N, C-alpha and C. Protein backbone atom coordinates (compact mmCIF):
# COMPACT_ATOMS: atom_id res chain seq x y z
N MET A 1 -2.88 50.50 152.39
CA MET A 1 -2.36 51.17 151.20
C MET A 1 -1.19 52.08 151.58
N THR A 2 -0.08 51.95 150.88
CA THR A 2 1.07 52.82 151.10
C THR A 2 0.77 54.21 150.55
N ALA A 3 1.17 55.26 151.28
CA ALA A 3 0.89 56.62 150.85
C ALA A 3 1.65 56.97 149.58
N VAL A 4 0.93 57.36 148.55
CA VAL A 4 1.53 57.86 147.32
C VAL A 4 1.60 59.38 147.38
N LEU A 5 0.50 59.99 147.77
CA LEU A 5 0.44 61.43 147.98
C LEU A 5 0.06 61.70 149.43
N ALA A 6 0.59 62.77 149.98
CA ALA A 6 0.26 63.11 151.36
C ALA A 6 0.34 64.61 151.57
N LEU A 7 -0.55 65.10 152.41
CA LEU A 7 -0.45 66.45 152.96
C LEU A 7 0.06 66.30 154.38
N GLU A 8 1.03 67.11 154.73
CA GLU A 8 1.65 67.01 156.05
C GLU A 8 1.62 68.38 156.73
N GLY A 9 0.69 68.56 157.66
CA GLY A 9 0.59 69.81 158.40
C GLY A 9 0.38 71.03 157.52
N VAL A 10 -0.44 70.89 156.49
CA VAL A 10 -0.60 71.95 155.50
C VAL A 10 -1.55 73.05 156.00
N ALA A 11 -1.08 74.27 155.89
CA ALA A 11 -1.91 75.45 156.17
C ALA A 11 -1.90 76.34 154.94
N LEU A 12 -3.05 76.97 154.67
CA LEU A 12 -3.16 77.83 153.50
C LEU A 12 -4.23 78.88 153.74
N ALA A 13 -3.93 80.10 153.35
CA ALA A 13 -4.92 81.18 153.37
C ALA A 13 -5.03 81.75 151.97
N ILE A 14 -6.20 82.29 151.64
CA ILE A 14 -6.41 82.88 150.32
C ILE A 14 -6.75 84.36 150.47
N GLY A 15 -6.57 85.09 149.39
CA GLY A 15 -6.80 86.53 149.44
C GLY A 15 -5.51 87.26 149.77
N SER A 16 -5.62 88.56 150.00
CA SER A 16 -4.44 89.36 150.31
C SER A 16 -4.79 90.43 151.34
N GLY A 17 -3.77 90.85 152.07
CA GLY A 17 -3.94 91.91 153.05
C GLY A 17 -4.98 91.57 154.10
N ALA A 18 -5.83 92.56 154.40
CA ALA A 18 -6.87 92.39 155.42
C ALA A 18 -7.93 91.38 155.00
N GLU A 19 -7.98 91.08 153.69
CA GLU A 19 -8.99 90.15 153.17
C GLU A 19 -8.52 88.69 153.21
N ARG A 20 -7.29 88.47 153.65
CA ARG A 20 -6.73 87.11 153.64
C ARG A 20 -7.48 86.23 154.62
N GLN A 21 -7.97 85.08 154.12
CA GLN A 21 -8.78 84.17 154.92
C GLN A 21 -8.15 82.78 154.96
N PRO A 22 -7.86 82.26 156.16
CA PRO A 22 -7.33 80.89 156.24
C PRO A 22 -8.42 79.88 155.90
N ILE A 23 -8.05 78.89 155.09
CA ILE A 23 -9.02 77.84 154.75
C ILE A 23 -8.56 76.45 155.17
N LEU A 24 -7.26 76.27 155.30
CA LEU A 24 -6.73 74.99 155.79
C LEU A 24 -5.80 75.27 156.96
N HIS A 25 -5.93 74.45 158.01
CA HIS A 25 -5.19 74.68 159.25
C HIS A 25 -4.47 73.39 159.65
N GLY A 26 -3.23 73.23 159.27
CA GLY A 26 -2.46 72.07 159.70
C GLY A 26 -3.04 70.74 159.26
N LEU A 27 -3.53 70.69 158.03
CA LEU A 27 -4.20 69.49 157.52
C LEU A 27 -3.19 68.42 157.13
N SER A 28 -3.43 67.19 157.60
CA SER A 28 -2.60 66.04 157.23
C SER A 28 -3.49 64.93 156.70
N LEU A 29 -3.20 64.46 155.50
CA LEU A 29 -3.96 63.39 154.87
C LEU A 29 -3.01 62.50 154.07
N ASP A 30 -3.33 61.21 154.01
CA ASP A 30 -2.57 60.25 153.19
C ASP A 30 -3.49 59.63 152.15
N PHE A 31 -2.96 59.40 150.96
CA PHE A 31 -3.71 58.79 149.86
C PHE A 31 -2.88 57.66 149.27
N GLY A 32 -3.44 56.45 149.28
CA GLY A 32 -2.67 55.28 148.89
C GLY A 32 -2.91 54.82 147.46
N ALA A 33 -1.99 54.02 146.95
CA ALA A 33 -2.12 53.41 145.64
C ALA A 33 -3.25 52.40 145.65
N GLY A 34 -3.98 52.32 144.54
CA GLY A 34 -5.07 51.37 144.43
C GLY A 34 -6.31 51.77 145.19
N GLY A 35 -6.36 53.03 145.65
CA GLY A 35 -7.49 53.49 146.44
C GLY A 35 -8.28 54.57 145.75
N PHE A 36 -9.60 54.50 145.91
CA PHE A 36 -10.51 55.54 145.42
C PHE A 36 -10.96 56.33 146.65
N HIS A 37 -10.53 57.59 146.72
CA HIS A 37 -10.77 58.45 147.87
C HIS A 37 -11.76 59.54 147.48
N CYS A 38 -12.77 59.76 148.30
CA CYS A 38 -13.78 60.78 148.04
C CYS A 38 -13.70 61.86 149.12
N LEU A 39 -13.53 63.11 148.68
CA LEU A 39 -13.47 64.25 149.59
C LEU A 39 -14.81 64.97 149.61
N GLY A 40 -15.37 65.12 150.80
CA GLY A 40 -16.61 65.86 150.98
C GLY A 40 -16.43 66.97 151.98
N GLY A 41 -17.53 67.68 152.25
CA GLY A 41 -17.47 68.77 153.21
C GLY A 41 -18.24 69.97 152.70
N PRO A 42 -18.54 70.91 153.58
CA PRO A 42 -19.33 72.08 153.19
C PRO A 42 -18.57 73.00 152.24
N SER A 43 -19.33 73.86 151.58
CA SER A 43 -18.72 74.86 150.70
C SER A 43 -17.74 75.71 151.50
N GLY A 44 -16.57 75.95 150.92
CA GLY A 44 -15.56 76.75 151.59
C GLY A 44 -14.64 75.98 152.50
N SER A 45 -14.80 74.66 152.56
CA SER A 45 -13.96 73.85 153.46
C SER A 45 -12.60 73.50 152.84
N GLY A 46 -12.41 73.84 151.56
CA GLY A 46 -11.11 73.66 150.95
C GLY A 46 -10.94 72.40 150.12
N LYS A 47 -12.05 71.79 149.70
CA LYS A 47 -11.96 70.52 148.98
C LYS A 47 -11.20 70.67 147.65
N THR A 48 -11.63 71.61 146.83
CA THR A 48 -10.96 71.80 145.54
C THR A 48 -9.54 72.30 145.74
N THR A 49 -9.33 73.09 146.78
CA THR A 49 -7.98 73.56 147.10
C THR A 49 -7.06 72.39 147.42
N VAL A 50 -7.58 71.38 148.12
CA VAL A 50 -6.78 70.19 148.42
C VAL A 50 -6.34 69.52 147.12
N LEU A 51 -7.24 69.40 146.15
CA LEU A 51 -6.85 68.82 144.86
C LEU A 51 -5.75 69.64 144.20
N SER A 52 -5.88 70.96 144.25
CA SER A 52 -4.87 71.83 143.64
C SER A 52 -3.52 71.72 144.35
N LEU A 53 -3.55 71.54 145.66
CA LEU A 53 -2.30 71.30 146.41
C LEU A 53 -1.67 69.98 146.00
N LEU A 54 -2.48 68.94 145.92
CA LEU A 54 -1.97 67.61 145.56
C LEU A 54 -1.41 67.59 144.15
N ALA A 55 -1.95 68.44 143.28
CA ALA A 55 -1.46 68.52 141.89
C ALA A 55 -0.25 69.42 141.76
N GLY A 56 0.14 70.09 142.83
CA GLY A 56 1.27 71.01 142.74
C GLY A 56 0.94 72.31 142.04
N ILE A 57 -0.35 72.60 141.89
CA ILE A 57 -0.77 73.86 141.26
C ILE A 57 -0.70 75.00 142.27
N VAL A 58 -1.11 74.69 143.50
CA VAL A 58 -1.07 75.64 144.62
C VAL A 58 -0.01 75.17 145.60
N VAL A 59 0.71 76.12 146.17
CA VAL A 59 1.76 75.82 147.15
C VAL A 59 1.27 76.23 148.54
N PRO A 60 1.41 75.37 149.54
CA PRO A 60 0.92 75.72 150.88
C PRO A 60 1.74 76.83 151.52
N ASP A 61 1.11 77.56 152.45
CA ASP A 61 1.84 78.57 153.22
C ASP A 61 2.81 77.91 154.18
N SER A 62 2.41 76.78 154.72
CA SER A 62 3.30 75.99 155.57
C SER A 62 2.91 74.53 155.46
N GLY A 63 3.81 73.65 155.90
CA GLY A 63 3.59 72.23 155.73
C GLY A 63 4.12 71.75 154.39
N HIS A 64 3.86 70.49 154.08
CA HIS A 64 4.42 69.88 152.86
C HIS A 64 3.37 69.05 152.13
N VAL A 65 3.51 69.02 150.80
CA VAL A 65 2.82 68.05 149.96
C VAL A 65 3.89 67.06 149.52
N ARG A 66 3.67 65.79 149.77
CA ARG A 66 4.69 64.78 149.47
C ARG A 66 4.19 63.76 148.45
N HIS A 67 5.11 63.32 147.60
CA HIS A 67 4.87 62.24 146.64
C HIS A 67 5.88 61.14 146.95
N HIS A 68 5.37 59.99 147.35
CA HIS A 68 6.24 58.90 147.81
C HIS A 68 7.25 59.40 148.85
N GLY A 69 6.77 60.23 149.74
CA GLY A 69 7.58 60.69 150.86
C GLY A 69 8.44 61.90 150.60
N GLN A 70 8.58 62.28 149.32
CA GLN A 70 9.44 63.42 148.98
C GLN A 70 8.61 64.68 148.75
N PRO A 71 9.02 65.82 149.30
CA PRO A 71 8.27 67.06 149.07
C PRO A 71 8.25 67.42 147.58
N LEU A 72 7.14 67.98 147.13
CA LEU A 72 7.10 68.47 145.75
C LEU A 72 8.09 69.61 145.60
N ALA A 73 8.61 69.75 144.39
CA ALA A 73 9.64 70.75 144.12
C ALA A 73 9.13 72.16 144.40
N ALA A 74 10.02 73.02 144.86
CA ALA A 74 9.68 74.43 145.08
C ALA A 74 9.55 75.17 143.75
N ASP A 75 10.28 74.72 142.75
CA ASP A 75 10.28 75.37 141.43
C ASP A 75 9.01 75.02 140.66
N ALA A 76 8.31 76.05 140.18
CA ALA A 76 7.03 75.84 139.50
C ALA A 76 7.19 75.01 138.23
N ARG A 77 8.26 75.24 137.47
CA ARG A 77 8.48 74.48 136.23
C ARG A 77 8.71 73.01 136.54
N ALA A 78 9.47 72.73 137.59
CA ALA A 78 9.72 71.34 137.97
C ALA A 78 8.42 70.66 138.39
N ARG A 79 7.56 71.39 139.10
CA ARG A 79 6.27 70.81 139.49
C ARG A 79 5.40 70.55 138.28
N GLN A 80 5.45 71.44 137.29
CA GLN A 80 4.67 71.25 136.08
C GLN A 80 5.11 69.98 135.34
N LEU A 81 6.40 69.78 135.21
CA LEU A 81 6.91 68.58 134.55
C LEU A 81 6.52 67.33 135.32
N TRP A 82 6.60 67.40 136.64
CA TRP A 82 6.17 66.27 137.48
C TRP A 82 4.70 65.99 137.25
N ARG A 83 3.89 67.05 137.17
CA ARG A 83 2.44 66.89 137.01
C ARG A 83 2.12 66.21 135.69
N VAL A 84 2.79 66.59 134.62
CA VAL A 84 2.55 65.98 133.31
C VAL A 84 2.81 64.48 133.36
N ARG A 85 3.85 64.08 134.07
CA ARG A 85 4.21 62.65 134.15
C ARG A 85 3.33 61.87 135.11
N THR A 86 2.81 62.53 136.12
CA THR A 86 2.26 61.81 137.27
C THR A 86 0.77 61.97 137.48
N VAL A 87 0.21 63.11 137.12
CA VAL A 87 -1.16 63.46 137.52
C VAL A 87 -2.03 63.75 136.31
N ALA A 88 -3.23 63.18 136.31
CA ALA A 88 -4.26 63.55 135.34
C ALA A 88 -5.36 64.31 136.08
N LEU A 89 -5.84 65.38 135.46
CA LEU A 89 -6.81 66.26 136.10
C LEU A 89 -8.13 66.25 135.35
N ALA A 90 -9.22 66.16 136.09
CA ALA A 90 -10.55 66.37 135.54
C ALA A 90 -11.23 67.37 136.47
N PHE A 91 -10.89 68.65 136.28
CA PHE A 91 -11.38 69.72 137.15
C PHE A 91 -12.53 70.45 136.48
N GLN A 92 -13.42 71.04 137.32
CA GLN A 92 -14.50 71.84 136.77
C GLN A 92 -13.97 73.04 135.99
N THR A 93 -12.79 73.54 136.41
CA THR A 93 -12.21 74.70 135.75
C THR A 93 -11.49 74.34 134.45
N ASN A 94 -11.31 73.05 134.20
CA ASN A 94 -10.68 72.62 132.94
C ASN A 94 -11.71 72.73 131.82
N ARG A 95 -11.52 73.64 130.93
CA ARG A 95 -12.47 73.82 129.84
C ARG A 95 -11.98 73.08 128.60
N LEU A 96 -12.93 72.46 127.90
CA LEU A 96 -12.58 71.90 126.60
C LEU A 96 -12.33 73.05 125.64
N ILE A 97 -11.47 72.81 124.69
CA ILE A 97 -11.08 73.86 123.74
C ILE A 97 -12.13 73.95 122.64
N ASP A 98 -12.69 75.15 122.45
CA ASP A 98 -13.85 75.33 121.58
C ASP A 98 -13.66 74.80 120.17
N ILE A 99 -12.46 74.98 119.62
CA ILE A 99 -12.26 74.65 118.20
C ILE A 99 -11.89 73.19 117.96
N LEU A 100 -11.67 72.43 119.03
CA LEU A 100 -11.26 71.04 118.88
C LEU A 100 -12.43 70.08 119.03
N THR A 101 -12.45 69.05 118.19
CA THR A 101 -13.43 67.98 118.35
C THR A 101 -13.02 67.08 119.52
N VAL A 102 -13.92 66.19 119.90
CA VAL A 102 -13.59 65.23 120.95
C VAL A 102 -12.37 64.41 120.56
N ALA A 103 -12.32 63.94 119.32
CA ALA A 103 -11.17 63.15 118.85
C ALA A 103 -9.89 63.97 118.93
N GLU A 104 -9.96 65.24 118.60
CA GLU A 104 -8.77 66.09 118.66
C GLU A 104 -8.33 66.35 120.09
N HIS A 105 -9.27 66.39 121.02
CA HIS A 105 -8.90 66.51 122.43
C HIS A 105 -8.10 65.28 122.88
N LEU A 106 -8.49 64.11 122.42
CA LEU A 106 -7.75 62.90 122.77
C LEU A 106 -6.35 62.92 122.16
N ALA A 107 -6.25 63.41 120.93
CA ALA A 107 -4.94 63.52 120.30
C ALA A 107 -4.05 64.51 121.05
N LEU A 108 -4.67 65.55 121.61
CA LEU A 108 -3.91 66.54 122.37
C LEU A 108 -3.30 65.92 123.62
N VAL A 109 -4.07 65.06 124.30
CA VAL A 109 -3.54 64.35 125.47
C VAL A 109 -2.29 63.56 125.08
N ALA A 110 -2.38 62.84 123.96
CA ALA A 110 -1.25 62.03 123.50
C ALA A 110 -0.04 62.90 123.19
N ARG A 111 -0.29 64.06 122.56
CA ARG A 111 0.82 64.94 122.18
C ARG A 111 1.50 65.54 123.40
N VAL A 112 0.70 66.04 124.34
CA VAL A 112 1.26 66.69 125.53
C VAL A 112 2.08 65.70 126.35
N ARG A 113 1.60 64.47 126.44
CA ARG A 113 2.26 63.47 127.28
C ARG A 113 3.26 62.61 126.52
N GLY A 114 3.36 62.81 125.22
CA GLY A 114 4.30 62.00 124.45
C GLY A 114 3.96 60.53 124.47
N ASP A 115 2.67 60.23 124.41
CA ASP A 115 2.19 58.85 124.56
C ASP A 115 1.14 58.57 123.49
N ALA A 116 1.56 58.00 122.37
CA ALA A 116 0.64 57.74 121.26
C ALA A 116 -0.50 56.81 121.66
N GLY A 117 -0.26 55.94 122.64
CA GLY A 117 -1.30 55.01 123.07
C GLY A 117 -2.47 55.68 123.74
N ALA A 118 -2.31 56.94 124.14
CA ALA A 118 -3.41 57.65 124.81
C ALA A 118 -4.61 57.83 123.89
N VAL A 119 -4.38 57.91 122.58
CA VAL A 119 -5.49 58.08 121.65
C VAL A 119 -6.41 56.86 121.69
N ALA A 120 -5.83 55.67 121.56
CA ALA A 120 -6.64 54.44 121.59
C ALA A 120 -7.32 54.27 122.94
N ARG A 121 -6.60 54.55 124.01
CA ARG A 121 -7.21 54.44 125.34
C ARG A 121 -8.36 55.43 125.48
N GLY A 122 -8.15 56.65 124.99
CA GLY A 122 -9.19 57.66 125.08
C GLY A 122 -10.43 57.27 124.30
N ARG A 123 -10.25 56.73 123.10
CA ARG A 123 -11.40 56.30 122.30
C ARG A 123 -12.15 55.17 123.00
N ASP A 124 -11.41 54.30 123.66
CA ASP A 124 -12.05 53.22 124.41
C ASP A 124 -12.89 53.78 125.55
N TRP A 125 -12.35 54.76 126.30
CA TRP A 125 -13.12 55.36 127.39
C TRP A 125 -14.32 56.13 126.85
N ILE A 126 -14.15 56.83 125.75
CA ILE A 126 -15.27 57.56 125.15
C ILE A 126 -16.40 56.58 124.80
N ALA A 127 -16.03 55.43 124.24
CA ALA A 127 -17.04 54.41 123.91
C ALA A 127 -17.71 53.88 125.16
N ARG A 128 -16.93 53.62 126.21
CA ARG A 128 -17.52 53.11 127.46
C ARG A 128 -18.49 54.12 128.07
N PHE A 129 -18.21 55.40 127.87
CA PHE A 129 -19.10 56.43 128.39
C PHE A 129 -20.27 56.73 127.46
N GLY A 130 -20.41 55.92 126.40
CA GLY A 130 -21.55 56.07 125.51
C GLY A 130 -21.47 57.26 124.58
N LEU A 131 -20.25 57.70 124.26
CA LEU A 131 -20.07 58.90 123.46
C LEU A 131 -19.34 58.64 122.15
N ALA A 132 -19.33 57.40 121.69
CA ALA A 132 -18.59 57.06 120.47
C ALA A 132 -19.07 57.86 119.27
N ASP A 133 -20.34 58.23 119.27
CA ASP A 133 -20.89 59.00 118.14
C ASP A 133 -20.60 60.49 118.26
N LYS A 134 -19.87 60.89 119.31
CA LYS A 134 -19.58 62.31 119.53
C LYS A 134 -18.13 62.67 119.19
N LEU A 135 -17.36 61.73 118.64
CA LEU A 135 -15.94 61.99 118.40
C LEU A 135 -15.70 63.18 117.48
N GLY A 136 -16.60 63.43 116.55
CA GLY A 136 -16.46 64.55 115.63
C GLY A 136 -17.09 65.84 116.12
N HIS A 137 -17.65 65.81 117.33
CA HIS A 137 -18.34 66.99 117.86
C HIS A 137 -17.38 67.92 118.59
N ARG A 138 -17.69 69.21 118.54
CA ARG A 138 -16.98 70.22 119.32
C ARG A 138 -17.76 70.51 120.60
N PRO A 139 -17.13 71.16 121.59
CA PRO A 139 -17.79 71.37 122.88
C PRO A 139 -19.17 72.02 122.79
N ALA A 140 -19.36 72.96 121.88
CA ALA A 140 -20.65 73.64 121.77
C ALA A 140 -21.77 72.68 121.39
N GLN A 141 -21.41 71.53 120.83
CA GLN A 141 -22.41 70.54 120.41
C GLN A 141 -22.67 69.49 121.49
N LEU A 142 -22.04 69.63 122.64
CA LEU A 142 -22.17 68.65 123.72
C LEU A 142 -22.95 69.23 124.89
N SER A 143 -23.66 68.36 125.60
CA SER A 143 -24.33 68.78 126.84
C SER A 143 -23.30 68.89 127.96
N GLY A 144 -23.73 69.45 129.09
CA GLY A 144 -22.83 69.55 130.24
C GLY A 144 -22.34 68.19 130.70
N GLY A 145 -23.25 67.22 130.73
CA GLY A 145 -22.86 65.88 131.15
C GLY A 145 -21.91 65.21 130.18
N GLU A 146 -22.11 65.46 128.89
CA GLU A 146 -21.20 64.90 127.88
C GLU A 146 -19.81 65.52 128.00
N LYS A 147 -19.76 66.82 128.24
CA LYS A 147 -18.46 67.48 128.42
C LYS A 147 -17.73 66.90 129.63
N ALA A 148 -18.47 66.66 130.71
CA ALA A 148 -17.85 66.11 131.92
C ALA A 148 -17.26 64.73 131.64
N ARG A 149 -17.98 63.92 130.86
CA ARG A 149 -17.48 62.58 130.55
C ARG A 149 -16.29 62.63 129.59
N VAL A 150 -16.29 63.58 128.67
CA VAL A 150 -15.12 63.74 127.79
C VAL A 150 -13.90 64.12 128.62
N ALA A 151 -14.06 65.05 129.55
CA ALA A 151 -12.94 65.47 130.40
C ALA A 151 -12.41 64.29 131.21
N LEU A 152 -13.33 63.46 131.72
CA LEU A 152 -12.89 62.31 132.50
C LEU A 152 -12.22 61.27 131.61
N ALA A 153 -12.74 61.09 130.39
CA ALA A 153 -12.10 60.16 129.45
C ALA A 153 -10.68 60.60 129.13
N GLN A 154 -10.47 61.91 128.97
CA GLN A 154 -9.12 62.42 128.75
C GLN A 154 -8.21 62.07 129.92
N ALA A 155 -8.71 62.27 131.14
CA ALA A 155 -7.90 61.99 132.32
C ALA A 155 -7.56 60.51 132.42
N LEU A 156 -8.54 59.65 132.16
CA LEU A 156 -8.30 58.21 132.22
C LEU A 156 -7.35 57.76 131.11
N ALA A 157 -7.46 58.39 129.94
CA ALA A 157 -6.59 58.04 128.82
C ALA A 157 -5.13 58.33 129.11
N ALA A 158 -4.88 59.30 129.98
CA ALA A 158 -3.50 59.65 130.32
C ALA A 158 -2.78 58.52 131.05
N ALA A 159 -3.55 57.66 131.72
CA ALA A 159 -2.98 56.48 132.41
C ALA A 159 -1.85 56.85 133.37
N THR A 160 -2.03 57.93 134.10
CA THR A 160 -1.05 58.37 135.08
C THR A 160 -1.26 57.64 136.41
N PRO A 161 -0.26 57.65 137.29
CA PRO A 161 -0.42 56.99 138.59
C PRO A 161 -1.44 57.66 139.49
N VAL A 162 -1.72 58.95 139.23
CA VAL A 162 -2.65 59.72 140.07
C VAL A 162 -3.71 60.36 139.18
N LEU A 163 -4.98 60.27 139.60
CA LEU A 163 -6.08 60.94 138.92
C LEU A 163 -6.84 61.77 139.94
N LEU A 164 -7.00 63.06 139.65
CA LEU A 164 -7.72 63.97 140.52
C LEU A 164 -8.94 64.50 139.78
N ALA A 165 -10.11 64.38 140.40
CA ALA A 165 -11.36 64.80 139.75
C ALA A 165 -12.17 65.69 140.69
N ASP A 166 -12.67 66.79 140.14
CA ASP A 166 -13.47 67.73 140.92
C ASP A 166 -14.93 67.64 140.48
N GLU A 167 -15.77 67.09 141.35
CA GLU A 167 -17.21 66.94 141.09
C GLU A 167 -17.47 66.31 139.71
N PRO A 168 -16.91 65.14 139.43
CA PRO A 168 -17.04 64.55 138.09
C PRO A 168 -18.45 64.12 137.73
N THR A 169 -19.34 63.99 138.72
CA THR A 169 -20.70 63.54 138.42
C THR A 169 -21.73 64.65 138.58
N ALA A 170 -21.29 65.89 138.80
CA ALA A 170 -22.22 66.98 139.12
C ALA A 170 -23.26 67.21 138.02
N ALA A 171 -22.88 67.01 136.76
CA ALA A 171 -23.78 67.28 135.64
C ALA A 171 -24.43 66.01 135.09
N LEU A 172 -24.31 64.89 135.82
CA LEU A 172 -24.79 63.61 135.30
C LEU A 172 -26.07 63.15 135.97
N ASP A 173 -26.86 62.36 135.23
CA ASP A 173 -28.02 61.72 135.84
C ASP A 173 -27.55 60.57 136.72
N SER A 174 -28.47 59.98 137.47
CA SER A 174 -28.09 58.97 138.46
C SER A 174 -27.44 57.75 137.81
N HIS A 175 -27.91 57.35 136.64
CA HIS A 175 -27.34 56.18 135.96
C HIS A 175 -25.88 56.43 135.58
N ASN A 176 -25.64 57.56 134.92
CA ASN A 176 -24.27 57.87 134.49
C ASN A 176 -23.37 58.18 135.68
N ALA A 177 -23.94 58.79 136.73
CA ALA A 177 -23.14 59.08 137.93
C ALA A 177 -22.65 57.79 138.57
N ASP A 178 -23.53 56.80 138.65
CA ASP A 178 -23.12 55.53 139.25
C ASP A 178 -22.08 54.83 138.37
N PHE A 179 -22.24 54.94 137.05
CA PHE A 179 -21.26 54.32 136.16
C PHE A 179 -19.89 54.97 136.33
N VAL A 180 -19.85 56.29 136.44
CA VAL A 180 -18.58 56.99 136.65
C VAL A 180 -17.97 56.59 137.99
N ALA A 181 -18.80 56.50 139.03
CA ALA A 181 -18.29 56.10 140.34
C ALA A 181 -17.68 54.71 140.29
N ARG A 182 -18.37 53.77 139.63
CA ARG A 182 -17.83 52.41 139.50
C ARG A 182 -16.55 52.41 138.67
N THR A 183 -16.53 53.24 137.63
CA THR A 183 -15.35 53.33 136.77
C THR A 183 -14.13 53.80 137.55
N LEU A 184 -14.31 54.82 138.38
CA LEU A 184 -13.19 55.35 139.16
C LEU A 184 -12.69 54.33 140.17
N ARG A 185 -13.60 53.62 140.80
CA ARG A 185 -13.18 52.58 141.75
C ARG A 185 -12.43 51.47 141.01
N ASP A 186 -13.00 51.02 139.89
CA ASP A 186 -12.35 49.95 139.12
C ASP A 186 -10.98 50.38 138.62
N HIS A 187 -10.88 51.64 138.19
CA HIS A 187 -9.59 52.14 137.70
C HIS A 187 -8.54 52.12 138.81
N ALA A 188 -8.94 52.53 139.99
CA ALA A 188 -8.00 52.50 141.12
C ALA A 188 -7.53 51.07 141.39
N GLU A 189 -8.48 50.14 141.38
CA GLU A 189 -8.15 48.76 141.74
C GLU A 189 -7.35 48.06 140.65
N THR A 190 -7.75 48.22 139.39
CA THR A 190 -7.11 47.46 138.31
C THR A 190 -5.79 48.09 137.86
N ALA A 191 -5.71 49.42 137.88
CA ALA A 191 -4.49 50.10 137.45
C ALA A 191 -3.56 50.40 138.62
N GLY A 192 -4.03 50.17 139.84
CA GLY A 192 -3.22 50.51 141.01
C GLY A 192 -3.04 52.00 141.17
N ALA A 193 -3.97 52.77 140.60
CA ALA A 193 -3.87 54.23 140.62
C ALA A 193 -4.37 54.81 141.94
N THR A 194 -3.91 56.01 142.22
CA THR A 194 -4.44 56.78 143.34
C THR A 194 -5.48 57.73 142.77
N VAL A 195 -6.74 57.49 143.10
CA VAL A 195 -7.85 58.28 142.56
C VAL A 195 -8.46 59.09 143.71
N ILE A 196 -8.52 60.40 143.52
CA ILE A 196 -9.05 61.30 144.54
C ILE A 196 -10.07 62.20 143.88
N ALA A 197 -11.29 62.19 144.41
CA ALA A 197 -12.36 62.99 143.81
C ALA A 197 -13.08 63.80 144.88
N VAL A 198 -13.39 65.04 144.54
CA VAL A 198 -14.29 65.86 145.35
C VAL A 198 -15.70 65.56 144.87
N SER A 199 -16.60 65.25 145.79
CA SER A 199 -17.97 64.94 145.39
C SER A 199 -18.91 64.98 146.58
N HIS A 200 -20.16 65.37 146.29
CA HIS A 200 -21.25 65.25 147.26
C HIS A 200 -22.22 64.15 146.83
N ASP A 201 -21.88 63.45 145.77
CA ASP A 201 -22.76 62.44 145.18
C ASP A 201 -22.73 61.17 146.03
N GLN A 202 -23.91 60.69 146.41
CA GLN A 202 -23.97 59.49 147.24
C GLN A 202 -23.39 58.28 146.52
N ALA A 203 -23.57 58.20 145.21
CA ALA A 203 -23.00 57.08 144.45
C ALA A 203 -21.48 57.07 144.57
N MET A 204 -20.89 58.24 144.51
CA MET A 204 -19.43 58.34 144.64
C MET A 204 -18.99 57.92 146.04
N MET A 205 -19.68 58.41 147.04
CA MET A 205 -19.32 58.08 148.42
C MET A 205 -19.50 56.59 148.70
N ASP A 206 -20.55 56.01 148.13
CA ASP A 206 -20.80 54.58 148.33
C ASP A 206 -19.72 53.72 147.68
N ARG A 207 -19.20 54.16 146.54
CA ARG A 207 -18.20 53.37 145.81
C ARG A 207 -16.78 53.59 146.31
N ALA A 208 -16.53 54.70 146.98
CA ALA A 208 -15.17 55.03 147.41
C ALA A 208 -14.66 54.04 148.44
N HIS A 209 -13.35 53.77 148.40
CA HIS A 209 -12.73 52.98 149.45
C HIS A 209 -12.61 53.79 150.73
N VAL A 210 -12.37 55.10 150.57
CA VAL A 210 -12.15 55.99 151.71
C VAL A 210 -12.95 57.26 151.50
N ASN A 211 -13.74 57.65 152.50
CA ASN A 211 -14.45 58.93 152.48
C ASN A 211 -13.83 59.86 153.51
N ILE A 212 -13.51 61.07 153.09
CA ILE A 212 -12.89 62.07 153.96
C ILE A 212 -13.77 63.31 153.94
N THR A 213 -14.15 63.78 155.11
CA THR A 213 -14.97 64.99 155.22
C THR A 213 -14.12 66.13 155.77
N LEU A 214 -13.96 67.17 154.98
CA LEU A 214 -13.22 68.35 155.42
C LEU A 214 -14.15 69.30 156.16
N GLY A 215 -13.56 70.12 157.01
CA GLY A 215 -14.34 71.12 157.72
C GLY A 215 -15.10 70.60 158.91
N LYS A 216 -14.80 69.36 159.34
CA LYS A 216 -15.46 68.81 160.53
C LYS A 216 -14.82 69.41 161.77
N ALA A 217 -15.66 69.66 162.76
CA ALA A 217 -15.16 70.21 164.03
C ALA A 217 -14.33 69.16 164.75
């Protein structure tokens, strides 16, 4: 697989002053098109931080994040525009908007990305995830697992070249977790997308083309 996204000698510390703690030390990783990559490792090893770096949300202290060999822009606005075109996110920190129904969340994806087809794609993913009867529901009416699947349906509906997911199966039972894992692998293969997920779920690790463990000695 040719590298679509890459970390090149990335180092990053968090906090400030005497409390500043290094979490990544010269990390280099490649992620190819058509591949489903699973990131594992102990708490504090920087898994979610790696996703944020790859999305251009966080900037490394040193080293580079590259897209097709080119460093991501230094300008935050330029990175945001790149992210809208290139990356779909299904992060634990991404909250559904309280006042919007599931259907309205799908319409929001279409509006933000300027892609009317995202609505139909989103409804298709919602149906595949067994949530077709939830289109009129707001987040307060959904379980944790249903919210996670709605967030993933939004990301898949965006049809971007890159999909980043943070613990997408954490709130799911084993049946739905395996279905999500198969879905992410199939999406990578059929759409030629670069799919990168943080997960400790065995179903995810079993389905991934590549497993990467951070924090190994």
